[in-house]
Amino acid sequence: MSKLNKIREKFNLTQEELSAKSGISVRTIQRIESGNEPKGQTLKILAKTLGIQENELIQKQEIPNEINLTLLKLINLSSLLFTVIPPINIIIPLIIMLAKKQFNPLTKQIVSVQILWTVLSVILFMLSAFMKNWFSLGSKFMLIVMIVLVLSNAFIILRNTAEIDKKEKLFFRLNFNII
């Protein structure tokens, strides 16, 4: 059942009544209720007619129930083994994801988080090298920075694994996918 169908029935409207109120043809309403997404002006008119937000009429991509949580945790934890070698902490999860055909939003988020962390850690490491020279910091400064970066990545990975166990979602996630 489409979102429009549920909302229309909630307001006790027939397709014909909604058509008359909105000025949108019955056929268009039928197409939307059979699975087509409302777009542009049609979306705006329907939302205004029903007194709801436009995003309430759009079908959201739901995470399929067939996500293998054990495999998802394995993909996430595979990054942990290679936190000291940043490019590999991206490549190994990608290989597992591709080999096991796990192309769901959660696996893409796991890899995206690792890509973002790797880019940021390289930038922070380079900045710390400049800071060491500018502020005449000791030779142990770089070692401390490396340890902090590795521990922060380990924390991100372990926290996401714990959240997958508890709530079947990620704790650290992005609002976008890099892959």
N, C-alpha and C. Protein backbone atom coordinates (compact mmCIF):
# COMPACT_ATOMS: atom_id res chain seq x y z
N MET A 1 0.85 -1.18 0.00
CA MET A 1 0.00 0.00 0.00
C MET A 1 0.90 1.23 0.00
N SER A 2 0.63 2.17 -0.88
CA SER A 2 1.46 3.37 -1.00
C SER A 2 1.13 4.35 0.13
N LYS A 3 2.04 5.29 0.31
CA LYS A 3 1.83 6.30 1.34
C LYS A 3 0.60 7.15 1.03
N LEU A 4 0.43 7.50 -0.24
CA LEU A 4 -0.73 8.31 -0.62
C LEU A 4 -2.02 7.56 -0.29
N ASN A 5 -2.05 6.28 -0.57
CA ASN A 5 -3.23 5.47 -0.29
C ASN A 5 -3.54 5.49 1.21
N LYS A 6 -2.53 5.30 2.04
CA LYS A 6 -2.73 5.29 3.50
C LYS A 6 -3.24 6.64 3.98
N ILE A 7 -2.62 7.71 3.49
CA ILE A 7 -3.00 9.05 3.93
C ILE A 7 -4.41 9.39 3.44
N ARG A 8 -4.70 9.04 2.19
CA ARG A 8 -6.02 9.32 1.63
C ARG A 8 -7.10 8.60 2.44
N GLU A 9 -6.84 7.33 2.78
CA GLU A 9 -7.82 6.58 3.57
C GLU A 9 -7.93 7.11 4.99
N LYS A 10 -6.83 7.63 5.52
CA LYS A 10 -6.86 8.22 6.86
C LYS A 10 -7.81 9.42 6.90
N PHE A 11 -7.86 10.17 5.80
CA PHE A 11 -8.75 11.32 5.69
C PHE A 11 -10.13 10.93 5.16
N ASN A 12 -10.39 9.64 5.01
CA ASN A 12 -11.67 9.12 4.49
C ASN A 12 -12.04 9.75 3.14
N LEU A 13 -11.06 9.78 2.25
CA LEU A 13 -11.30 10.32 0.91
C LEU A 13 -11.22 9.20 -0.11
N THR A 14 -12.08 9.26 -1.10
CA THR A 14 -11.95 8.35 -2.23
C THR A 14 -10.97 8.98 -3.22
N GLN A 15 -10.54 8.19 -4.18
CA GLN A 15 -9.65 8.73 -5.21
C GLN A 15 -10.33 9.88 -5.96
N GLU A 16 -11.61 9.72 -6.21
CA GLU A 16 -12.37 10.74 -6.93
C GLU A 16 -12.46 12.03 -6.11
N GLU A 17 -12.70 11.90 -4.80
CA GLU A 17 -12.79 13.08 -3.94
C GLU A 17 -11.44 13.82 -3.86
N LEU A 18 -10.37 13.05 -3.75
CA LEU A 18 -9.04 13.67 -3.73
C LEU A 18 -8.75 14.36 -5.06
N SER A 19 -9.18 13.72 -6.13
CA SER A 19 -9.00 14.31 -7.46
C SER A 19 -9.76 15.64 -7.57
N ALA A 20 -10.97 15.66 -7.08
CA ALA A 20 -11.78 16.88 -7.15
C ALA A 20 -11.17 17.99 -6.28
N LYS A 21 -10.69 17.65 -5.09
CA LYS A 21 -10.10 18.65 -4.18
C LYS A 21 -8.78 19.20 -4.71
N SER A 22 -7.98 18.32 -5.32
CA SER A 22 -6.63 18.72 -5.73
C SER A 22 -6.53 19.19 -7.17
N GLY A 23 -7.47 18.75 -8.00
CA GLY A 23 -7.39 19.08 -9.42
C GLY A 23 -6.47 18.14 -10.19
N ILE A 24 -6.01 17.09 -9.53
CA ILE A 24 -5.16 16.08 -10.17
C ILE A 24 -6.06 14.95 -10.64
N SER A 25 -5.80 14.44 -11.83
CA SER A 25 -6.68 13.42 -12.40
C SER A 25 -6.68 12.15 -11.55
N VAL A 26 -7.82 11.45 -11.61
CA VAL A 26 -7.97 10.18 -10.89
C VAL A 26 -6.90 9.20 -11.38
N ARG A 27 -6.63 9.21 -12.66
CA ARG A 27 -5.63 8.29 -13.23
C ARG A 27 -4.25 8.54 -12.64
N THR A 28 -3.87 9.80 -12.44
CA THR A 28 -2.58 10.12 -11.84
C THR A 28 -2.53 9.63 -10.39
N ILE A 29 -3.62 9.83 -9.66
CA ILE A 29 -3.69 9.35 -8.28
C ILE A 29 -3.57 7.83 -8.25
N GLN A 30 -4.22 7.15 -9.18
CA GLN A 30 -4.13 5.69 -9.26
C GLN A 30 -2.69 5.25 -9.54
N ARG A 31 -2.01 5.95 -10.45
CA ARG A 31 -0.61 5.62 -10.76
C ARG A 31 0.28 5.79 -9.54
N ILE A 32 0.08 6.87 -8.82
CA ILE A 32 0.88 7.12 -7.61
C ILE A 32 0.62 6.04 -6.58
N GLU A 33 -0.64 5.68 -6.40
CA GLU A 33 -0.99 4.66 -5.41
C GLU A 33 -0.52 3.26 -5.83
N SER A 34 -0.27 3.07 -7.12
CA SER A 34 0.21 1.76 -7.56
C SER A 34 1.73 1.67 -7.51
N GLY A 35 2.40 2.75 -7.07
CA GLY A 35 3.84 2.65 -6.88
C GLY A 35 4.68 3.72 -7.52
N ASN A 36 4.12 4.55 -8.40
CA ASN A 36 4.89 5.64 -8.99
C ASN A 36 5.05 6.76 -7.96
N GLU A 37 6.22 7.36 -7.97
CA GLU A 37 6.49 8.46 -7.04
C GLU A 37 5.88 9.77 -7.57
N PRO A 38 5.18 10.51 -6.71
CA PRO A 38 4.72 11.82 -7.15
C PRO A 38 5.91 12.77 -7.23
N LYS A 39 5.93 13.62 -8.25
CA LYS A 39 7.06 14.52 -8.45
C LYS A 39 6.56 15.92 -8.74
N GLY A 40 7.46 16.87 -8.54
CA GLY A 40 7.23 18.25 -8.93
C GLY A 40 5.93 18.84 -8.43
N GLN A 41 5.19 19.39 -9.36
CA GLN A 41 3.95 20.09 -9.04
C GLN A 41 2.90 19.15 -8.45
N THR A 42 2.85 17.94 -8.96
CA THR A 42 1.88 16.96 -8.44
C THR A 42 2.13 16.71 -6.95
N LEU A 43 3.40 16.54 -6.59
CA LEU A 43 3.76 16.31 -5.19
C LEU A 43 3.36 17.51 -4.33
N LYS A 44 3.64 18.71 -4.80
CA LYS A 44 3.31 19.92 -4.04
C LYS A 44 1.81 20.08 -3.86
N ILE A 45 1.06 19.84 -4.93
CA ILE A 45 -0.40 20.01 -4.86
C ILE A 45 -1.01 18.98 -3.90
N LEU A 46 -0.59 17.72 -4.02
CA LEU A 46 -1.14 16.68 -3.14
C LEU A 46 -0.83 16.98 -1.68
N ALA A 47 0.41 17.39 -1.40
CA ALA A 47 0.80 17.70 -0.02
C ALA A 47 -0.03 18.87 0.52
N LYS A 48 -0.19 19.90 -0.30
CA LYS A 48 -0.97 21.06 0.14
C LYS A 48 -2.43 20.70 0.35
N THR A 49 -2.98 19.91 -0.56
CA THR A 49 -4.39 19.50 -0.46
C THR A 49 -4.63 18.67 0.80
N LEU A 50 -3.70 17.78 1.11
CA LEU A 50 -3.86 16.91 2.27
C LEU A 50 -3.37 17.56 3.57
N GLY A 51 -2.70 18.71 3.45
CA GLY A 51 -2.20 19.42 4.64
C GLY A 51 -1.05 18.70 5.31
N ILE A 52 -0.17 18.13 4.50
CA ILE A 52 0.98 17.40 5.04
C ILE A 52 2.26 17.90 4.36
N GLN A 53 3.40 17.45 4.88
CA GLN A 53 4.69 17.77 4.27
C GLN A 53 4.89 16.92 3.02
N GLU A 54 5.62 17.45 2.05
CA GLU A 54 5.86 16.72 0.80
C GLU A 54 6.58 15.40 1.04
N ASN A 55 7.54 15.40 1.96
CA ASN A 55 8.32 14.18 2.20
C ASN A 55 7.48 13.04 2.79
N GLU A 56 6.31 13.36 3.31
CA GLU A 56 5.42 12.31 3.83
C GLU A 56 4.80 11.48 2.71
N LEU A 57 4.80 12.01 1.49
CA LEU A 57 4.23 11.29 0.36
C LEU A 57 5.27 10.46 -0.40
N ILE A 58 6.53 10.70 -0.12
CA ILE A 58 7.59 10.01 -0.85
C ILE A 58 7.94 8.72 -0.14
N GLN A 59 7.99 7.64 -0.90
CA GLN A 59 8.37 6.33 -0.34
C GLN A 59 9.84 6.35 0.00
N LYS A 60 10.19 6.05 1.22
CA LYS A 60 11.59 6.01 1.61
C LYS A 60 12.13 4.62 1.35
N GLN A 61 13.40 4.59 0.93
CA GLN A 61 14.06 3.30 0.74
C GLN A 61 14.26 2.67 2.11
N GLU A 62 13.60 1.58 2.34
CA GLU A 62 13.77 0.90 3.62
C GLU A 62 14.87 -0.12 3.51
N ILE A 63 15.57 -0.31 4.61
CA ILE A 63 16.62 -1.31 4.64
C ILE A 63 15.96 -2.68 4.60
N PRO A 64 16.34 -3.51 3.63
CA PRO A 64 15.68 -4.81 3.54
C PRO A 64 15.95 -5.66 4.77
N ASN A 65 14.98 -6.53 5.09
CA ASN A 65 15.11 -7.37 6.27
C ASN A 65 16.17 -8.45 6.11
N GLU A 66 16.65 -8.69 4.88
CA GLU A 66 17.57 -9.78 4.67
C GLU A 66 19.03 -9.39 4.92
N ILE A 67 19.29 -8.33 5.67
CA ILE A 67 20.66 -7.95 6.01
C ILE A 67 21.19 -8.97 7.01
N ASN A 68 22.34 -9.52 6.67
CA ASN A 68 23.01 -10.48 7.52
C ASN A 68 23.82 -9.70 8.55
N LEU A 69 23.34 -9.63 9.79
CA LEU A 69 23.99 -8.83 10.81
C LEU A 69 25.37 -9.37 11.17
N THR A 70 25.54 -10.68 11.13
CA THR A 70 26.85 -11.26 11.42
C THR A 70 27.85 -10.84 10.35
N LEU A 71 27.44 -10.88 9.12
CA LEU A 71 28.31 -10.44 8.03
C LEU A 71 28.57 -8.94 8.09
N LEU A 72 27.57 -8.18 8.49
CA LEU A 72 27.73 -6.74 8.65
C LEU A 72 28.78 -6.44 9.73
N LYS A 73 28.72 -7.16 10.84
CA LYS A 73 29.71 -6.97 11.90
C LYS A 73 31.10 -7.40 11.43
N LEU A 74 31.16 -8.47 10.64
CA LEU A 74 32.45 -8.93 10.10
C LEU A 74 33.05 -7.86 9.18
N ILE A 75 32.23 -7.26 8.33
CA ILE A 75 32.72 -6.20 7.44
C ILE A 75 33.23 -5.03 8.27
N ASN A 76 32.50 -4.67 9.30
CA ASN A 76 32.92 -3.56 10.16
C ASN A 76 34.21 -3.90 10.91
N LEU A 77 34.26 -5.08 11.51
CA LEU A 77 35.43 -5.47 12.31
C LEU A 77 36.67 -5.75 11.45
N SER A 78 36.48 -6.04 10.16
CA SER A 78 37.64 -6.28 9.31
C SER A 78 38.51 -5.03 9.19
N SER A 79 37.94 -3.87 9.40
CA SER A 79 38.72 -2.63 9.40
C SER A 79 39.62 -2.53 10.62
N LEU A 80 39.18 -3.15 11.71
CA LEU A 80 39.93 -3.08 12.96
C LEU A 80 41.32 -3.70 12.84
N LEU A 81 41.42 -4.77 12.06
CA LEU A 81 42.71 -5.45 11.92
C LEU A 81 43.76 -4.57 11.25
N PHE A 82 43.31 -3.61 10.48
CA PHE A 82 44.24 -2.82 9.68
C PHE A 82 44.16 -1.32 9.99
N THR A 83 43.87 -0.98 11.24
CA THR A 83 43.78 0.43 11.60
C THR A 83 45.13 1.13 11.49
N VAL A 84 46.22 0.39 11.57
CA VAL A 84 47.55 1.02 11.46
C VAL A 84 47.97 1.21 10.01
N ILE A 85 47.27 0.59 9.06
CA ILE A 85 47.56 0.75 7.64
C ILE A 85 46.28 1.27 6.98
N PRO A 86 46.06 2.59 7.05
CA PRO A 86 44.77 3.14 6.62
C PRO A 86 44.21 2.71 5.26
N PRO A 87 44.94 2.64 4.18
CA PRO A 87 44.27 2.25 2.93
C PRO A 87 43.68 0.83 2.98
N ILE A 88 44.32 -0.05 3.71
CA ILE A 88 43.83 -1.43 3.77
C ILE A 88 42.56 -1.53 4.61
N ASN A 89 42.39 -0.60 5.57
CA ASN A 89 41.16 -0.65 6.38
C ASN A 89 39.93 -0.24 5.56
N ILE A 90 40.15 0.19 4.33
CA ILE A 90 39.05 0.45 3.40
C ILE A 90 38.91 -0.71 2.42
N ILE A 91 40.04 -1.19 1.93
CA ILE A 91 40.05 -2.21 0.88
C ILE A 91 39.46 -3.54 1.36
N ILE A 92 39.83 -3.99 2.55
CA ILE A 92 39.34 -5.29 3.05
C ILE A 92 37.82 -5.29 3.22
N PRO A 93 37.21 -4.29 3.88
CA PRO A 93 35.73 -4.28 3.95
C PRO A 93 35.08 -4.21 2.57
N LEU A 94 35.69 -3.47 1.64
CA LEU A 94 35.15 -3.40 0.28
C LEU A 94 35.19 -4.76 -0.40
N ILE A 95 36.29 -5.47 -0.24
CA ILE A 95 36.42 -6.81 -0.84
C ILE A 95 35.36 -7.75 -0.27
N ILE A 96 35.20 -7.74 1.05
CA ILE A 96 34.18 -8.60 1.68
C ILE A 96 32.79 -8.20 1.20
N MET A 97 32.53 -6.90 1.15
CA MET A 97 31.22 -6.40 0.71
C MET A 97 30.91 -6.87 -0.71
N LEU A 98 31.90 -6.77 -1.59
CA LEU A 98 31.70 -7.18 -2.98
C LEU A 98 31.60 -8.69 -3.11
N ALA A 99 32.45 -9.43 -2.39
CA ALA A 99 32.45 -10.89 -2.48
C ALA A 99 31.14 -11.48 -1.97
N LYS A 100 30.61 -10.91 -0.91
CA LYS A 100 29.37 -11.43 -0.31
C LYS A 100 28.12 -10.73 -0.83
N LYS A 101 28.30 -9.81 -1.78
CA LYS A 101 27.19 -9.08 -2.41
C LYS A 101 26.29 -8.40 -1.38
N GLN A 102 26.93 -7.70 -0.46
CA GLN A 102 26.21 -6.94 0.56
C GLN A 102 26.22 -5.46 0.18
N PHE A 103 25.32 -5.07 -0.72
CA PHE A 103 25.26 -3.69 -1.21
C PHE A 103 24.10 -2.96 -0.55
N ASN A 104 24.04 -3.00 0.76
CA ASN A 104 22.95 -2.32 1.44
C ASN A 104 23.47 -1.02 2.05
N PRO A 105 22.59 -0.14 2.48
CA PRO A 105 23.01 1.16 3.00
C PRO A 105 23.97 1.06 4.19
N LEU A 106 23.80 0.05 5.04
CA LEU A 106 24.68 -0.06 6.20
C LEU A 106 26.12 -0.39 5.82
N THR A 107 26.30 -1.32 4.88
CA THR A 107 27.67 -1.65 4.48
C THR A 107 28.32 -0.47 3.75
N LYS A 108 27.54 0.23 2.96
CA LYS A 108 28.08 1.41 2.28
C LYS A 108 28.48 2.48 3.30
N GLN A 109 27.69 2.61 4.37
CA GLN A 109 28.03 3.56 5.42
C GLN A 109 29.31 3.16 6.16
N ILE A 110 29.47 1.87 6.41
CA ILE A 110 30.69 1.40 7.09
C ILE A 110 31.92 1.79 6.29
N VAL A 111 31.89 1.52 5.00
CA VAL A 111 33.03 1.84 4.14
C VAL A 111 33.18 3.36 4.01
N SER A 112 32.08 4.07 3.91
CA SER A 112 32.15 5.54 3.80
C SER A 112 32.77 6.16 5.04
N VAL A 113 32.40 5.66 6.21
CA VAL A 113 32.98 6.17 7.46
C VAL A 113 34.49 5.92 7.46
N GLN A 114 34.90 4.74 7.03
CA GLN A 114 36.34 4.43 7.00
C GLN A 114 37.09 5.30 5.99
N ILE A 115 36.47 5.57 4.84
CA ILE A 115 37.10 6.44 3.85
C ILE A 115 37.27 7.84 4.43
N LEU A 116 36.21 8.38 5.04
CA LEU A 116 36.27 9.72 5.63
C LEU A 116 37.31 9.76 6.75
N TRP A 117 37.31 8.74 7.61
CA TRP A 117 38.29 8.71 8.70
C TRP A 117 39.71 8.67 8.14
N THR A 118 39.95 7.89 7.09
CA THR A 118 41.28 7.79 6.50
C THR A 118 41.73 9.14 5.94
N VAL A 119 40.86 9.81 5.22
CA VAL A 119 41.20 11.12 4.66
C VAL A 119 41.51 12.11 5.78
N LEU A 120 40.64 12.14 6.79
CA LEU A 120 40.86 13.07 7.90
C LEU A 120 42.12 12.73 8.68
N SER A 121 42.41 11.46 8.88
CA SER A 121 43.60 11.09 9.64
C SER A 121 44.88 11.46 8.89
N VAL A 122 44.88 11.32 7.58
CA VAL A 122 46.04 11.74 6.79
C VAL A 122 46.24 13.24 6.91
N ILE A 123 45.16 14.00 6.83
CA ILE A 123 45.26 15.46 6.97
C ILE A 123 45.77 15.83 8.36
N LEU A 124 45.20 15.20 9.40
CA LEU A 124 45.65 15.49 10.77
C LEU A 124 47.11 15.09 10.99
N PHE A 125 47.53 13.99 10.41
CA PHE A 125 48.91 13.55 10.55
C PHE A 125 49.86 14.55 9.88
N MET A 126 49.48 15.03 8.70
CA MET A 126 50.31 16.01 8.00
C MET A 126 50.37 17.32 8.80
N LEU A 127 49.23 17.75 9.32
CA LEU A 127 49.22 18.97 10.14
C LEU A 127 50.08 18.82 11.38
N SER A 128 50.03 17.64 11.99
CA SER A 128 50.85 17.43 13.18
C SER A 128 52.33 17.43 12.86
N ALA A 129 52.70 16.98 11.66
CA ALA A 129 54.11 17.04 11.26
C ALA A 129 54.56 18.50 11.14
N PHE A 130 53.71 19.35 10.57
CA PHE A 130 54.04 20.77 10.49
C PHE A 130 54.08 21.40 11.88
N MET A 131 53.12 21.03 12.73
CA MET A 131 53.09 21.57 14.09
C MET A 131 54.33 21.19 14.86
N LYS A 132 54.82 19.98 14.66
CA LYS A 132 56.03 19.51 15.35
C LYS A 132 57.19 20.43 15.01
N ASN A 133 57.31 20.79 13.72
CA ASN A 133 58.41 21.66 13.30
C ASN A 133 58.19 23.10 13.74
N TRP A 134 56.96 23.60 13.63
CA TRP A 134 56.68 24.99 13.97
C TRP A 134 56.86 25.28 15.46
N PHE A 135 56.39 24.34 16.28
CA PHE A 135 56.40 24.57 17.72
C PHE A 135 57.52 23.83 18.43
N SER A 136 58.43 23.25 17.69
CA SER A 136 59.57 22.51 18.23
C SER A 136 59.13 21.47 19.26
N LEU A 137 58.14 20.70 18.89
CA LEU A 137 57.65 19.64 19.77
C LEU A 137 58.59 18.45 19.67
N GLY A 138 58.66 17.66 20.69
CA GLY A 138 59.60 16.55 20.74
C GLY A 138 59.29 15.47 19.71
N SER A 139 60.20 14.53 19.58
CA SER A 139 60.06 13.45 18.61
C SER A 139 58.92 12.50 18.97
N LYS A 140 58.52 12.48 20.22
CA LYS A 140 57.44 11.59 20.65
C LYS A 140 56.06 12.13 20.24
N PHE A 141 56.00 13.38 19.83
CA PHE A 141 54.73 13.98 19.44
C PHE A 141 54.08 13.22 18.29
N MET A 142 54.87 12.87 17.30
CA MET A 142 54.32 12.15 16.14
C MET A 142 53.80 10.77 16.55
N LEU A 143 54.52 10.12 17.44
CA LEU A 143 54.09 8.82 17.93
C LEU A 143 52.76 8.94 18.68
N ILE A 144 52.62 9.96 19.48
CA ILE A 144 51.38 10.18 20.22
C ILE A 144 50.22 10.44 19.25
N VAL A 145 50.47 11.24 18.22
CA VAL A 145 49.43 11.52 17.22
C VAL A 145 49.01 10.23 16.52
N MET A 146 49.97 9.40 16.14
CA MET A 146 49.65 8.13 15.48
C MET A 146 48.82 7.23 16.40
N ILE A 147 49.19 7.16 17.65
CA ILE A 147 48.45 6.31 18.61
C ILE A 147 47.03 6.83 18.78
N VAL A 148 46.87 8.14 18.91
CA VAL A 148 45.53 8.73 19.06
C VAL A 148 44.67 8.45 17.83
N LEU A 149 45.26 8.58 16.65
CA LEU A 149 44.51 8.31 15.42
C LEU A 149 44.08 6.85 15.33
N VAL A 150 44.98 5.94 15.64
CA VAL A 150 44.64 4.51 15.60
C VAL A 150 43.57 4.18 16.63
N LEU A 151 43.71 4.71 17.85
CA LEU A 151 42.72 4.45 18.89
C LEU A 151 41.36 5.05 18.55
N SER A 152 41.35 6.22 17.92
CA SER A 152 40.06 6.81 17.54
C SER A 152 39.36 5.96 16.49
N ASN A 153 40.12 5.41 15.53
CA ASN A 153 39.50 4.54 14.53
C ASN A 153 39.00 3.25 15.18
N ALA A 154 39.79 2.70 16.08
CA ALA A 154 39.36 1.48 16.78
C ALA A 154 38.08 1.75 17.57
N PHE A 155 37.99 2.91 18.20
CA PHE A 155 36.78 3.26 18.95
C PHE A 155 35.57 3.35 18.02
N ILE A 156 35.74 4.00 16.86
CA ILE A 156 34.64 4.13 15.90
C ILE A 156 34.16 2.74 15.46
N ILE A 157 35.08 1.87 15.14
CA ILE A 157 34.73 0.52 14.66
C ILE A 157 34.02 -0.27 15.76
N LEU A 158 34.58 -0.26 16.97
CA LEU A 158 33.98 -1.03 18.06
C LEU A 158 32.62 -0.46 18.48
N ARG A 159 32.49 0.86 18.47
CA ARG A 159 31.21 1.48 18.83
C ARG A 159 30.12 1.14 17.81
N ASN A 160 30.50 1.15 16.52
CA ASN A 160 29.53 0.77 15.49
C ASN A 160 29.15 -0.70 15.61
N THR A 161 30.10 -1.55 15.93
CA THR A 161 29.79 -2.98 16.12
C THR A 161 28.82 -3.17 17.27
N ALA A 162 29.04 -2.48 18.37
CA ALA A 162 28.13 -2.57 19.51
C ALA A 162 26.73 -2.09 19.15
N GLU A 163 26.65 -1.04 18.37
CA GLU A 163 25.34 -0.49 17.96
C GLU A 163 24.62 -1.44 17.00
N ILE A 164 25.40 -2.12 16.14
CA ILE A 164 24.79 -3.12 15.25
C ILE A 164 24.17 -4.23 16.09
N ASP A 165 24.87 -4.64 17.15
CA ASP A 165 24.34 -5.67 18.04
C ASP A 165 23.07 -5.23 18.73
N LYS A 166 23.06 -3.99 19.24
CA LYS A 166 21.93 -3.51 20.03
C LYS A 166 20.74 -3.08 19.18
N LYS A 167 21.00 -2.21 18.20
CA LYS A 167 19.90 -1.56 17.49
C LYS A 167 19.87 -1.82 16.00
N GLU A 168 20.77 -2.66 15.50
CA GLU A 168 20.85 -3.00 14.07
C GLU A 168 21.04 -1.77 13.20
N LYS A 169 21.81 -0.81 13.71
CA LYS A 169 22.17 0.38 12.94
C LYS A 169 23.55 0.83 13.39
N LEU A 170 24.08 1.86 12.74
CA LEU A 170 25.41 2.36 13.07
C LEU A 170 25.32 3.56 14.00
N PHE A 171 26.26 3.66 14.92
CA PHE A 171 26.32 4.81 15.81
C PHE A 171 26.96 5.98 15.09
N PHE A 172 28.11 5.73 14.45
CA PHE A 172 28.80 6.75 13.66
C PHE A 172 28.42 6.54 12.21
N ARG A 173 27.64 7.45 11.67
CA ARG A 173 27.23 7.35 10.27
C ARG A 173 27.22 8.73 9.66
N LEU A 174 27.22 8.76 8.35
CA LEU A 174 27.24 10.02 7.62
C LEU A 174 25.85 10.26 7.04
N ASN A 175 25.59 11.49 6.68
CA ASN A 175 24.32 11.81 6.01
C ASN A 175 24.41 11.61 4.51
N PHE A 176 25.54 11.05 4.07
CA PHE A 176 25.77 10.80 2.65
C PHE A 176 26.65 9.56 2.52
N ASN A 177 26.67 8.98 1.33
CA ASN A 177 27.54 7.84 1.04
C ASN A 177 28.65 8.29 0.12
N ILE A 178 29.85 7.88 0.40
CA ILE A 178 30.97 8.20 -0.46
C ILE A 178 31.03 7.22 -1.62
N ILE A 179 30.58 5.98 -1.37
CA ILE A 179 30.57 4.97 -2.45
C ILE A 179 29.16 4.76 -2.96
